[in-house]
């Protein structure tokens, strides 16, 4: 059974396209063709297809690449959601035909296909080893199979900070300056502790929006969450996972959660009220907050350069080249070019997808960005800092997406009062073990 799309960050990217009052002062742009595209070259006609989902921001780049390579024609197959994209990918992978020359792969799903690395081109054949220094180490590690094969070039990432309501913090007697707020949350214990302090002062507002989204933030920091590094399903053997569950459940019972189903209409409407004071906040979520909160939230929301426990990432994708492609070398060239720092900066300017290439962080367009809506927060530098604080390679395992949906569904039942924490935990363990034992590819 396909998991639901509620936790998929890129489902919100279309919202960001020009709410890049979000991260940038202008949207789009008319940059000159990049020299990295190479010189125009004659040669046999090459037709390349690329399968993506939602909004990758590549339409202008395709035309730029074609202008520099007159013999190349690029066609995009864009799915409406990541779930639709993955369904198409799995169908075509199983049948042995029908895959695009380049297939985008969302970060929560690439782990599943690392177990099928033989179905994708080892990009080391086309220079991935030499190119790997482009990206943050942990981004490269996420697309590297145990035998060293590199099956994907990194696109964007979702480094996390804490977004907070300055006015509600003031009402609770907490600091409002973002530098002072950053000192409050060195770890999750302090985050929940300040939440209880806040709740005592402001009883009509919750500390955070949703148990589910807080779980997503916390479990993404675990090097091993559902699987060991050897791809053995852990279940309740993982004490850190159990502790994370208990912290979030206790928070719900103490009223820290606004109990809003993630991405629901109620969740969207709550941004125009005093329903909650903080959120775990990857860069792409700023546009969602701005769009949902509108004029009500301007000047009330801010961003602190901190994430409890260090760094965390939620979101991002890769470009892979299936072995089904009859144009593997040309597809690898295009994938490498689309994910180069110069192109990542252009995509950042257009749709707000935060770059995963280290050279992009030296670009003035990225590091100098200030967000007026969030009290002129220096969001470019904040999220560069947050990206550099993600130092681990999280091992997610082949069925991570399905298993995570089981646990988030269970937490939502608890948050909504539909099931006791004990019953929800037991059911999650049963359902997750069943998912873990389903053969990859089914």
Protein backbone atom coordinates (compact mmCIF):
# COMPACT_ATOMS: atom_id res chain seq x y z
CA UNK A 1 0.00 0.00 0.00
CA UNK A 2 1.35 3.42 -0.95
CA UNK A 3 1.89 5.77 1.96
CA UNK A 4 0.00 9.00 2.08
CA UNK A 5 1.59 12.18 0.77
CA UNK A 6 1.05 14.27 3.88
CA UNK A 7 4.69 14.36 4.93
CA UNK A 8 6.08 15.15 1.51
CA UNK A 9 7.72 18.56 1.68
CA UNK A 10 7.99 19.02 -2.07
CA UNK A 11 4.19 18.93 -2.30
CA UNK A 12 4.44 22.48 -1.00
CA UNK A 13 7.08 23.71 -3.39
CA UNK A 14 4.56 24.99 -5.91
CA UNK A 15 3.38 27.31 -3.15
CA UNK A 16 6.89 28.72 -2.95
CA UNK A 17 7.31 29.56 -6.58
CA UNK A 18 6.91 33.26 -6.14
CA UNK A 19 6.27 33.50 -2.45
CA UNK A 20 9.96 34.07 -2.64
CA UNK A 21 9.39 37.10 -0.72
CA UNK A 22 10.11 33.87 1.18
CA UNK A 23 13.84 33.67 0.71
CA UNK A 24 14.70 36.08 -2.02
CA UNK A 25 13.94 39.61 -3.02
CA UNK A 26 12.95 38.71 -6.57
CA UNK A 27 11.57 35.72 -8.40
CA UNK A 28 12.89 34.16 -11.57
CA UNK A 29 15.49 36.17 -13.41
CA UNK A 30 17.06 36.32 -16.79
CA UNK A 31 20.52 34.94 -16.20
CA UNK A 32 22.79 34.48 -19.15
CA UNK A 33 23.36 30.86 -20.23
CA UNK A 34 25.91 29.26 -17.96
CA UNK A 35 29.31 28.38 -19.34
CA UNK A 36 29.02 25.04 -17.56
CA UNK A 37 26.49 24.01 -20.16
CA UNK A 38 29.34 23.57 -22.58
CA UNK A 39 29.71 24.81 -26.12
CA UNK A 40 27.08 24.22 -28.72
CA UNK A 41 27.93 20.99 -30.44
CA UNK A 42 26.84 19.18 -33.52
CA UNK A 43 26.13 15.49 -33.26
CA UNK A 44 23.41 12.90 -33.56
CA UNK A 45 19.96 13.86 -32.32
CA UNK A 46 19.55 13.09 -28.61
CA UNK A 47 16.13 13.01 -26.98
CA UNK A 48 16.16 12.87 -23.19
CA UNK A 49 13.24 12.44 -20.83
CA UNK A 50 13.30 13.44 -17.18
CA UNK A 51 10.63 12.32 -14.69
CA UNK A 52 10.00 14.69 -11.77
CA UNK A 53 7.20 15.54 -9.37
CA UNK A 54 5.61 18.78 -8.25
CA UNK A 55 7.94 21.70 -9.03
CA UNK A 56 11.68 21.26 -9.48
CA UNK A 57 12.08 24.67 -11.13
CA UNK A 58 13.92 23.26 -14.14
CA UNK A 59 11.87 24.57 -17.09
CA UNK A 60 14.20 27.50 -17.85
CA UNK A 61 17.25 25.28 -17.37
CA UNK A 62 16.04 22.81 -19.98
CA UNK A 63 15.85 25.58 -22.57
CA UNK A 64 19.27 26.86 -21.53
CA UNK A 65 20.83 23.43 -21.91
CA UNK A 66 19.17 22.87 -25.28
CA UNK A 67 20.46 26.24 -26.52
CA UNK A 68 24.01 25.18 -25.64
CA UNK A 69 23.45 21.67 -27.05
CA UNK A 70 21.36 22.09 -30.25
CA UNK A 71 21.27 18.35 -30.86
CA UNK A 72 19.58 17.68 -27.48
CA UNK A 73 15.83 17.77 -26.87
CA UNK A 74 14.57 17.48 -23.27
CA UNK A 75 11.06 16.37 -22.33
CA UNK A 76 9.86 16.49 -18.75
CA UNK A 77 7.28 14.08 -17.33
CA UNK A 78 6.01 15.79 -14.24
CA UNK A 79 3.84 13.91 -11.73
CA UNK A 80 1.52 15.87 -9.48
CA UNK A 81 2.82 14.24 -6.28
CA UNK A 82 5.74 12.15 -5.12
CA UNK A 83 3.38 9.21 -4.57
CA UNK A 84 2.22 9.31 -8.19
CA UNK A 85 5.83 9.58 -9.34
CA UNK A 86 6.97 6.61 -7.23
CA UNK A 87 4.02 4.51 -8.43
CA UNK A 88 5.03 5.16 -12.04
CA UNK A 89 8.68 4.46 -11.25
CA UNK A 90 7.93 1.14 -9.56
CA UNK A 91 5.61 0.02 -12.34
CA UNK A 92 8.18 0.76 -15.03
CA UNK A 93 11.05 -0.67 -13.00
CA UNK A 94 9.16 -3.93 -12.50
CA UNK A 95 8.20 -4.20 -16.18
CA UNK A 96 11.73 -3.50 -17.38
CA UNK A 97 10.69 -0.62 -19.64
CA UNK A 98 9.12 2.82 -19.60
CA UNK A 99 11.45 4.65 -17.21
CA UNK A 100 12.69 8.11 -18.13
CA UNK A 101 16.36 8.73 -18.94
CA UNK A 102 16.56 10.65 -15.66
CA UNK A 103 14.34 9.78 -12.69
CA UNK A 104 14.06 12.15 -9.75
CA UNK A 105 14.18 10.39 -6.38
CA UNK A 106 12.88 11.91 -3.16
CA UNK A 107 15.20 11.57 -0.16
CA UNK A 108 12.84 9.33 1.83
CA UNK A 109 12.63 6.85 -1.05
CA UNK A 110 16.11 6.63 -2.50
CA UNK A 111 17.10 4.26 0.31
CA UNK A 112 14.64 1.73 -1.02
CA UNK A 113 16.32 1.81 -4.42
CA UNK A 114 19.85 1.61 -3.07
CA UNK A 115 18.88 -2.03 -2.51
CA UNK A 116 18.33 -2.18 -6.28
CA UNK A 117 21.40 -0.21 -7.27
CA UNK A 118 21.96 -2.53 -10.23
CA UNK A 119 18.86 -0.99 -11.85
CA UNK A 120 20.50 2.43 -11.88
CA UNK A 121 23.68 3.68 -13.52
CA UNK A 122 26.69 3.90 -11.24
CA UNK A 123 27.46 7.56 -11.87
CA UNK A 124 31.12 7.01 -11.00
CA UNK A 125 31.35 5.74 -14.56
CA UNK A 126 30.72 9.32 -15.68
CA UNK A 127 32.82 11.17 -13.13
CA UNK A 128 30.75 11.14 -9.94
CA UNK A 129 33.84 10.55 -7.81
CA UNK A 130 35.39 13.74 -9.14
CA UNK A 131 32.12 15.67 -8.85
CA UNK A 132 31.27 14.49 -5.33
CA UNK A 133 33.13 17.36 -3.67
CA UNK A 134 30.41 19.65 -5.03
CA UNK A 135 27.95 18.50 -2.40
CA UNK A 136 27.76 18.31 1.36
CA UNK A 137 29.23 14.97 2.42
CA UNK A 138 25.97 13.70 3.91
CA UNK A 139 24.11 14.48 0.71
CA UNK A 140 26.48 12.30 -1.33
CA UNK A 141 26.29 9.57 1.31
CA UNK A 142 22.51 9.41 0.93
CA UNK A 143 22.83 8.16 -2.66
CA UNK A 144 25.80 5.86 -2.11
CA UNK A 145 25.21 2.10 -1.96
CA UNK A 146 27.13 -0.11 0.49
CA UNK A 147 29.45 -1.24 -2.32
CA UNK A 148 30.32 2.36 -3.17
CA UNK A 149 28.07 2.86 -6.19
CA UNK A 150 26.73 6.40 -6.50
CA UNK A 151 23.26 6.30 -8.06
CA UNK A 152 22.13 9.91 -7.64
CA UNK A 153 23.25 13.52 -7.96
CA UNK A 154 21.89 15.73 -5.18
CA UNK A 155 19.35 18.46 -5.90
CA UNK A 156 17.97 20.43 -2.94
CA UNK A 157 17.97 19.84 0.83
CA UNK A 158 15.79 20.85 3.78
CA UNK A 159 18.05 22.02 6.64
CA UNK A 160 15.98 22.73 9.74
CA UNK A 161 15.77 25.68 12.11
CA UNK A 162 13.09 26.73 14.61
CA UNK A 163 10.37 29.15 13.51
CA UNK A 164 8.59 30.93 16.36
CA UNK A 165 5.99 33.56 17.15
CA UNK A 166 7.67 36.59 18.71
CA UNK A 167 4.41 37.97 20.12
CA UNK A 168 3.50 34.72 21.88
CA UNK A 169 7.03 34.38 23.26
CA UNK A 170 6.71 37.90 24.70
CA UNK A 171 3.37 36.98 26.28
CA UNK A 172 5.06 34.00 27.98
CA UNK A 173 7.99 36.09 29.21
CA UNK A 174 10.45 34.32 26.89
CA UNK A 175 13.14 36.10 24.85
CA UNK A 176 12.02 37.34 21.45
CA UNK A 177 15.37 38.22 19.87
CA UNK A 178 16.35 35.39 17.52
CA UNK A 179 19.90 35.17 18.89
CA UNK A 180 18.56 34.76 22.43
CA UNK A 181 15.92 32.28 21.32
CA UNK A 182 18.65 30.18 19.71
CA UNK A 183 20.26 29.74 23.14
CA UNK A 184 17.10 28.17 24.58
CA UNK A 185 17.09 24.93 22.61
CA UNK A 186 20.40 23.05 22.67
CA UNK A 187 18.50 19.74 22.78
CA UNK A 188 14.99 18.34 22.66
CA UNK A 189 14.72 18.09 26.44
CA UNK A 190 15.12 21.87 26.69
CA UNK A 191 12.67 22.40 23.82
CA UNK A 192 9.94 20.43 25.60
CA UNK A 193 10.84 22.02 28.95
CA UNK A 194 10.39 25.53 27.59
CA UNK A 195 7.18 24.32 25.99
CA UNK A 196 5.76 23.42 29.38
CA UNK A 197 6.90 26.78 30.77
CA UNK A 198 5.22 28.51 27.84
CA UNK A 199 2.00 26.52 28.30
CA UNK A 200 1.80 27.54 31.96
CA UNK A 201 1.93 31.22 30.96
CA UNK A 202 -0.16 31.05 27.76
CA UNK A 203 -2.66 28.25 28.35
CA UNK A 204 -4.77 29.02 25.27
CA UNK A 205 -1.92 28.42 22.82
CA UNK A 206 0.01 25.22 22.14
CA UNK A 207 3.79 25.02 21.90
CA UNK A 208 3.93 23.34 18.47
CA UNK A 209 1.50 22.52 15.69
CA UNK A 210 1.52 18.76 15.39
CA UNK A 211 2.93 15.66 17.02
CA UNK A 212 3.44 14.19 13.55
CA UNK A 213 5.63 17.00 12.21
CA UNK A 214 7.62 17.15 15.44
CA UNK A 215 8.21 13.40 15.17
CA UNK A 216 9.42 13.90 11.60
CA UNK A 217 11.95 16.45 12.80
CA UNK A 218 13.21 14.31 15.66
CA UNK A 219 13.40 10.94 13.94
CA UNK A 220 15.35 12.49 11.07
CA UNK A 221 18.19 13.08 13.53
CA UNK A 222 18.53 9.40 14.42
CA UNK A 223 21.38 7.69 12.58
CA UNK A 224 19.39 4.49 12.91
CA UNK A 225 15.64 4.96 13.30
CA UNK A 226 13.74 1.96 11.94
CA UNK A 227 16.69 -0.02 10.58
CA UNK A 228 20.20 -0.89 11.67
CA UNK A 229 23.06 -0.01 9.34
CA UNK A 230 22.82 -3.62 8.15
CA UNK A 231 19.18 -3.10 7.09
CA UNK A 232 17.76 -5.13 9.97
CA UNK A 233 14.39 -3.80 11.16
CA UNK A 234 14.80 -2.65 14.77
CA UNK A 235 11.32 -1.94 16.10
CA UNK A 236 11.30 -1.37 19.85
CA UNK A 237 14.90 -2.54 20.12
CA UNK A 238 15.86 1.01 19.24
CA UNK A 239 15.85 2.81 22.59
CA UNK A 240 16.30 6.20 20.95
CA UNK A 241 13.20 5.68 18.83
CA UNK A 242 11.22 4.61 21.90
CA UNK A 243 12.47 7.68 23.79
CA UNK A 244 11.46 9.94 20.91
CA UNK A 245 7.96 8.45 20.85
CA UNK A 246 7.62 8.88 24.62
CA UNK A 247 8.74 12.52 24.51
CA UNK A 248 6.21 13.41 21.84
CA UNK A 249 3.37 11.46 23.45
CA UNK A 250 4.08 13.16 26.79
CA UNK A 251 4.03 16.50 25.00
CA UNK A 252 0.61 15.74 23.54
CA UNK A 253 -0.74 14.70 26.94
CA UNK A 254 0.60 17.94 28.47
CA UNK A 255 -1.07 20.11 25.84
CA UNK A 256 2.10 21.09 23.98
CA UNK A 257 0.65 19.95 20.66
CA UNK A 258 -2.08 21.93 18.91
CA UNK A 259 -3.26 18.51 17.70
CA UNK A 260 -3.59 19.70 14.12
CA UNK A 261 -3.48 16.98 11.44
CA UNK A 262 -0.49 17.81 9.27
CA UNK A 263 -1.40 19.62 6.01
CA UNK A 264 -5.12 19.59 6.84
CA UNK A 265 -7.44 22.56 6.35
CA UNK A 266 -7.50 23.01 10.12
CA UNK A 267 -3.69 23.13 10.17
CA UNK A 268 -3.67 25.71 7.36
CA UNK A 269 -6.27 27.92 9.06
CA UNK A 270 -4.43 27.77 12.39
CA UNK A 271 -1.63 29.98 11.05
CA UNK A 272 -4.10 32.88 11.12
CA UNK A 273 -4.62 32.46 14.85
CA UNK A 274 -2.62 32.06 18.06
CA UNK A 275 -2.95 28.27 17.94
CA UNK A 276 0.77 27.50 18.43
CA UNK A 277 4.09 29.24 19.02
CA UNK A 278 6.85 27.19 17.36
CA UNK A 279 7.56 24.83 14.49
CA UNK A 280 10.44 22.66 13.38
CA UNK A 281 11.18 24.58 10.23
CA UNK A 282 13.11 23.46 7.12
CA UNK A 283 13.81 26.30 4.70
CA UNK A 284 11.04 25.35 2.29
CA UNK A 285 8.46 25.70 5.08
CA UNK A 286 8.93 29.47 5.33
CA UNK A 287 6.88 29.93 2.18
CA UNK A 288 4.15 27.70 3.57
CA UNK A 289 3.97 29.76 6.77
CA UNK A 290 3.85 33.00 4.82
CA UNK A 291 1.20 31.74 2.45
CA UNK A 292 -0.96 30.34 5.26
CA UNK A 293 -0.54 33.16 7.79
CA UNK A 294 -0.82 36.03 5.31
CA UNK A 295 -1.00 39.55 6.71
CA UNK A 296 -1.92 38.17 10.15
CA UNK A 297 1.51 36.64 10.63
CA UNK A 298 3.79 39.27 9.10
CA UNK A 299 6.23 40.49 11.74
CA UNK A 300 4.96 37.96 14.27
CA UNK A 301 6.96 35.01 12.89
CA UNK A 302 10.74 34.81 13.13
CA UNK A 303 13.46 32.21 12.53
CA UNK A 304 16.12 31.19 15.07
CA UNK A 305 19.44 29.78 13.94
CA UNK A 306 19.12 26.64 16.05
CA UNK A 307 17.76 23.14 15.89
CA UNK A 308 17.51 21.01 19.05
CA UNK A 309 20.23 18.38 19.17
CA UNK A 310 22.34 19.98 16.42
CA UNK A 311 21.41 19.68 12.77
CA UNK A 312 18.51 18.10 10.97
CA UNK A 313 17.35 17.71 7.39
CA UNK A 314 13.82 17.26 6.10
CA UNK A 315 13.44 17.22 2.36
CA UNK A 316 15.40 17.16 -0.85
CA UNK A 317 15.87 14.87 -3.82
CA UNK A 318 18.33 13.27 -6.24
CA UNK A 319 18.54 12.74 -9.99
CA UNK A 320 19.21 9.14 -11.02
CA UNK A 321 19.84 7.50 -14.41
CA UNK A 322 18.11 4.11 -14.79
CA UNK A 323 19.94 1.39 -16.69
CA UNK A 324 16.86 1.22 -18.93
CA UNK A 325 18.01 4.49 -20.53
CA UNK A 326 19.47 4.14 -24.02
CA UNK A 327 21.22 7.50 -23.59
CA UNK A 328 23.00 6.91 -20.29
CA UNK A 329 26.04 9.09 -20.93
CA UNK A 330 23.99 12.02 -22.20
CA UNK A 331 21.52 11.62 -19.34
CA UNK A 332 24.36 11.61 -16.81
CA UNK A 333 25.77 14.80 -18.35
CA UNK A 334 22.41 16.53 -18.08
CA UNK A 335 21.87 15.35 -14.49
CA UNK A 336 25.33 16.60 -13.53
CA UNK A 337 24.66 19.98 -15.13
CA UNK A 338 21.21 20.43 -13.56
CA UNK A 339 22.65 19.79 -10.09
CA UNK A 340 25.78 21.95 -10.47
CA UNK A 341 26.13 24.90 -8.06
CA UNK A 342 25.32 27.46 -10.76
CA UNK A 343 22.04 25.76 -11.60
CA UNK A 344 21.15 25.15 -7.96
CA UNK A 345 21.47 28.89 -7.33
CA UNK A 346 19.11 29.61 -10.22
CA UNK A 347 16.57 27.12 -8.88
CA UNK A 348 16.91 28.67 -5.42
CA UNK A 349 16.11 32.07 -6.89
CA UNK A 350 13.15 30.70 -8.81
CA UNK A 351 11.37 28.33 -6.40
CA UNK A 352 13.30 28.53 -3.12
CA UNK A 353 14.76 25.00 -3.11
CA UNK A 354 17.80 25.26 -0.84
CA UNK A 355 21.08 24.20 -2.51
CA UNK A 356 23.02 21.10 -1.49
CA UNK A 357 26.26 22.21 -3.18
CA UNK A 358 28.84 23.87 -0.96
CA UNK A 359 29.98 26.43 -3.55
CA UNK A 360 26.44 27.80 -3.68
CA UNK A 361 26.85 28.95 -0.10
CA UNK A 362 29.52 31.42 -1.19
CA UNK A 363 27.15 32.99 -3.70
CA UNK A 364 25.85 36.39 -2.70
CA UNK A 365 22.37 35.45 -3.98
CA UNK A 366 22.21 32.75 -1.31
CA UNK A 367 24.19 33.94 1.70
CA UNK A 368 22.85 37.50 1.74
CA UNK A 369 19.15 36.68 1.53
CA UNK A 370 16.96 38.41 4.11
CA UNK A 371 13.29 37.62 4.61
CA UNK A 372 11.21 40.69 5.32
CA UNK A 373 8.15 38.68 6.37
CA UNK A 374 10.13 36.99 9.15
CA UNK A 375 11.35 40.23 10.75
CA UNK A 376 14.14 40.58 8.20
CA UNK A 377 15.68 37.30 9.32
CA UNK A 378 18.97 36.58 7.50
CA UNK A 379 17.55 33.32 6.18
CA UNK A 380 20.32 32.67 3.67
CA UNK A 381 23.01 32.55 6.34
CA UNK A 382 20.74 30.82 8.85
CA UNK A 383 20.06 27.88 6.55
CA UNK A 384 23.66 27.69 5.38
CA UNK A 385 24.59 27.31 9.06
CA UNK A 386 21.85 24.73 9.58
CA UNK A 387 22.98 22.74 6.52
CA UNK A 388 26.55 22.69 7.80
CA UNK A 389 25.32 21.35 11.14
CA UNK A 390 23.92 18.19 9.55
CA UNK A 391 26.92 15.93 10.03
CA UNK A 392 25.44 12.47 9.95
CA UNK A 393 24.42 10.05 7.28
CA UNK A 394 21.08 8.78 8.45
CA UNK A 395 20.45 5.19 7.51
CA UNK A 396 16.81 4.81 6.56
CA UNK A 397 16.62 1.34 5.06
CA UNK A 398 14.57 -0.07 2.18
CA UNK A 399 11.08 0.36 3.67
CA UNK A 400 11.62 3.59 5.58
CA UNK A 401 8.81 5.49 3.85
CA UNK A 402 6.15 2.88 4.52
CA UNK A 403 7.28 2.31 8.10
CA UNK A 404 7.43 6.02 8.89
CA UNK A 405 3.86 6.41 7.65
CA UNK A 406 2.79 3.68 10.08
CA UNK A 407 4.31 5.55 13.04
CA UNK A 408 3.03 8.96 11.98
CA UNK A 409 -0.48 7.56 11.56
CA UNK A 410 -0.22 6.10 15.06
CA UNK A 411 0.95 9.41 16.52
CA UNK A 412 -1.90 11.23 14.84
CA UNK A 413 -4.39 8.83 16.40
CA UNK A 414 -2.86 9.60 19.80
CA UNK A 415 -2.78 13.35 19.13
CA UNK A 416 -6.47 13.28 18.13
CA UNK A 417 -7.47 11.21 21.16
CA UNK A 418 -8.59 8.30 18.99
CA UNK A 419 -6.27 5.73 20.56
CA UNK A 420 -4.26 5.39 23.74
CA UNK A 421 -0.46 5.79 23.45
CA UNK A 422 0.06 2.17 24.50
CA UNK A 423 -2.40 0.74 21.98
CA UNK A 424 -1.10 3.00 19.20
CA UNK A 425 2.48 1.96 19.89
CA UNK A 426 1.65 -1.76 19.83
CA UNK A 427 -0.31 -1.40 16.61
CA UNK A 428 2.51 0.62 15.02
CA UNK A 429 5.04 -2.06 15.91
CA UNK A 430 2.87 -4.77 14.35
CA UNK A 431 2.14 -2.81 11.18
CA UNK A 432 5.74 -1.63 10.81
CA UNK A 433 7.13 -5.15 11.12
CA UNK A 434 4.70 -6.31 8.45
CA UNK A 435 5.86 -3.47 6.17
CA UNK A 436 9.52 -4.24 6.88
CA UNK A 437 9.02 -7.88 5.91
CA UNK A 438 7.40 -7.03 2.58
CA UNK A 439 9.80 -7.78 -0.23
CA UNK A 440 11.29 -4.67 -1.82
CA UNK A 441 9.61 -4.12 -5.18
CA UNK A 442 6.15 -5.19 -3.99
